[in-house]
Amino acid sequence: MNSLQLSEFSNRVFDRYDKNHSGFIEKDELNTLLYNLAMEMNSQQPTKKEIDYMLSYLDTNNDSKISRTEFQRLGELMVKVLGNK
């Protein structure tokens, strides 16, 4: 997947999970996203600790929400994980 495809993919996922259209993925939206991702991958559901870790990993400016730019890191990570399956 090239960088344009990754950006488009990340934007589609971001828009799907930004339920309140705030322009950010908040913790409850991230929780839903990670649960759905685990289900799609036939993996065990993430724990609260794992969700908190992912929020802190993505939230580079520490405002407790994930901007579209910060969300790109999750897209990159998902491509790496799915590419290795």
C-alpha atoms as a PDB file:
ATOM      1  CA  MET A   1       0.000   0.000   0.000  1.00  0.00           C
ATOM      2  CA  ASN A   2       1.517   3.326  -1.020  1.00  0.00           C
ATOM      3  CA  SER A   3       1.305   6.490   1.084  1.00  0.00           C
ATOM      4  CA  LEU A   4      -1.709   7.881  -0.798  1.00  0.00           C
ATOM      5  CA  GLN A   5      -3.621   4.620  -0.362  1.00  0.00           C
ATOM      6  CA  LEU A   6      -2.660   4.532   3.324  1.00  0.00           C
ATOM      7  CA  SER A   7      -3.883   8.093   3.791  1.00  0.00           C
ATOM      8  CA  GLU A   8      -7.184   7.353   2.034  1.00  0.00           C
ATOM      9  CA  PHE A   9      -7.638   4.164   4.063  1.00  0.00           C
ATOM     10  CA  SER A  10      -6.902   5.977   7.330  1.00  0.00           C
ATOM     11  CA  ASN A  11      -9.333   8.760   6.454  1.00  0.00           C
ATOM     12  CA  ARG A  12     -12.132   6.290   5.664  1.00  0.00           C
ATOM     13  CA  VAL A  13     -11.614   4.445   8.949  1.00  0.00           C
ATOM     14  CA  PHE A  14     -11.352   7.733  10.864  1.00  0.00           C
ATOM     15  CA  ASP A  15     -14.612   9.012   9.370  1.00  0.00           C
ATOM     16  CA  ARG A  16     -16.359   5.718  10.118  1.00  0.00           C
ATOM     17  CA  TYR A  17     -15.459   5.808  13.822  1.00  0.00           C
ATOM     18  CA  ASP A  18     -15.703   9.564  14.480  1.00  0.00           C
ATOM     19  CA  LYS A  19     -19.354   9.026  15.397  1.00  0.00           C
ATOM     20  CA  ASN A  20     -19.973  12.517  16.803  1.00  0.00           C
ATOM     21  CA  HIS A  21     -18.159  14.201  13.878  1.00  0.00           C
ATOM     22  CA  SER A  22     -15.920  16.136  16.269  1.00  0.00           C
ATOM     23  CA  GLY A  23     -12.871  15.741  14.062  1.00  0.00           C
ATOM     24  CA  PHE A  24     -11.276  13.542  16.727  1.00  0.00           C
ATOM     25  CA  ILE A  25     -11.409   9.914  17.803  1.00  0.00           C
ATOM     26  CA  GLU A  26     -12.205   9.940  21.505  1.00  0.00           C
ATOM     27  CA  LYS A  27     -11.562   7.025  23.852  1.00  0.00           C
ATOM     28  CA  ASP A  28     -15.033   5.472  23.469  1.00  0.00           C
ATOM     29  CA  GLU A  29     -14.731   5.635  19.672  1.00  0.00           C
ATOM     30  CA  LEU A  30     -11.235   4.112  19.829  1.00  0.00           C
ATOM     31  CA  ASN A  31     -12.622   1.397  22.076  1.00  0.00           C
ATOM     32  CA  THR A  32     -15.266   0.522  19.451  1.00  0.00           C
ATOM     33  CA  LEU A  33     -12.696   0.614  16.647  1.00  0.00           C
ATOM     34  CA  LEU A  34     -10.285  -1.720  18.448  1.00  0.00           C
ATOM     35  CA  TYR A  35     -13.058  -4.152  19.427  1.00  0.00           C
ATOM     36  CA  ASN A  36     -14.284  -4.281  15.834  1.00  0.00           C
ATOM     37  CA  LEU A  37     -10.751  -4.733  14.524  1.00  0.00           C
ATOM     38  CA  ALA A  38     -10.178  -7.629  16.921  1.00  0.00           C
ATOM     39  CA  MET A  39     -13.428  -9.262  15.767  1.00  0.00           C
ATOM     40  CA  GLU A  40     -12.444  -8.891  12.096  1.00  0.00           C
ATOM     41  CA  MET A  41      -9.070 -10.464  12.822  1.00  0.00           C
ATOM     42  CA  ASN A  42     -10.591 -13.278  14.932  1.00  0.00           C
ATOM     43  CA  SER A  43      -8.436 -12.074  17.800  1.00  0.00           C
ATOM     44  CA  GLN A  44      -9.131 -11.652  21.483  1.00  0.00           C
ATOM     45  CA  GLN A  45     -10.795  -8.412  22.537  1.00  0.00           C
ATOM     46  CA  PRO A  46      -8.436  -5.682  23.767  1.00  0.00           C
ATOM     47  CA  THR A  47      -8.226  -5.085  27.487  1.00  0.00           C
ATOM     48  CA  LYS A  48      -8.771  -1.683  29.093  1.00  0.00           C
ATOM     49  CA  LYS A  49      -5.003  -1.482  29.603  1.00  0.00           C
ATOM     50  CA  GLU A  50      -4.366  -2.162  25.906  1.00  0.00           C
ATOM     51  CA  ILE A  51      -6.912   0.464  24.858  1.00  0.00           C
ATOM     52  CA  ASP A  52      -5.329   2.996  27.227  1.00  0.00           C
ATOM     53  CA  TYR A  53      -1.908   2.144  25.800  1.00  0.00           C
ATOM     54  CA  MET A  54      -3.117   2.607  22.226  1.00  0.00           C
ATOM     55  CA  LEU A  55      -4.645   5.971  23.137  1.00  0.00           C
ATOM     56  CA  SER A  56      -1.372   7.125  24.703  1.00  0.00           C
ATOM     57  CA  TYR A  57       0.615   5.751  21.727  1.00  0.00           C
ATOM     58  CA  LEU A  58      -1.484   7.618  19.167  1.00  0.00           C
ATOM     59  CA  ASP A  59      -2.168  10.783  21.189  1.00  0.00           C
ATOM     60  CA  THR A  60       1.162  12.510  20.627  1.00  0.00           C
ATOM     61  CA  ASN A  61       0.024  15.898  21.993  1.00  0.00           C
ATOM     62  CA  ASN A  62      -1.588  14.373  25.129  1.00  0.00           C
ATOM     63  CA  ASP A  63      -5.022  15.960  24.726  1.00  0.00           C
ATOM     64  CA  SER A  64      -6.822  12.623  25.385  1.00  0.00           C
ATOM     65  CA  LYS A  65      -8.181  12.384  21.850  1.00  0.00           C
ATOM     66  CA  ILE A  66      -6.782  11.388  18.487  1.00  0.00           C
ATOM     67  CA  SER A  67      -6.620  13.868  15.647  1.00  0.00           C
ATOM     68  CA  ARG A  68      -6.768  12.821  12.013  1.00  0.00           C
ATOM     69  CA  THR A  69      -2.988  13.352  11.756  1.00  0.00           C
ATOM     70  CA  GLU A  70      -2.308  11.267  14.871  1.00  0.00           C
ATOM     71  CA  PHE A  71      -4.633   8.592  13.529  1.00  0.00           C
ATOM     72  CA  GLN A  72      -2.317   8.052  10.550  1.00  0.00           C
ATOM     73  CA  ARG A  73      -0.028   6.140  12.955  1.00  0.00           C
ATOM     74  CA  LEU A  74      -2.785   3.577  13.520  1.00  0.00           C
ATOM     75  CA  GLY A  75      -3.249   3.160   9.773  1.00  0.00           C
ATOM     76  CA  GLU A  76       0.478   2.528   9.386  1.00  0.00           C
ATOM     77  CA  LEU A  77       0.410   0.029  12.244  1.00  0.00           C
ATOM     78  CA  MET A  78      -2.634  -1.775  10.828  1.00  0.00           C
ATOM     79  CA  VAL A  79      -0.961  -2.112   7.425  1.00  0.00           C
ATOM     80  CA  LYS A  80       2.125  -3.627   9.091  1.00  0.00           C
ATOM     81  CA  VAL A  81       0.064  -6.063  11.160  1.00  0.00           C
ATOM     82  CA  LEU A  82      -2.259  -7.070   8.333  1.00  0.00           C
ATOM     83  CA  GLY A  83       0.650  -7.303   5.912  1.00  0.00           C
ATOM     84  CA  ASN A  84       2.300  -9.901   8.141  1.00  0.00           C
ATOM     85  CA  LYS A  85      -0.764 -12.180   8.321  1.00  0.00           C
END
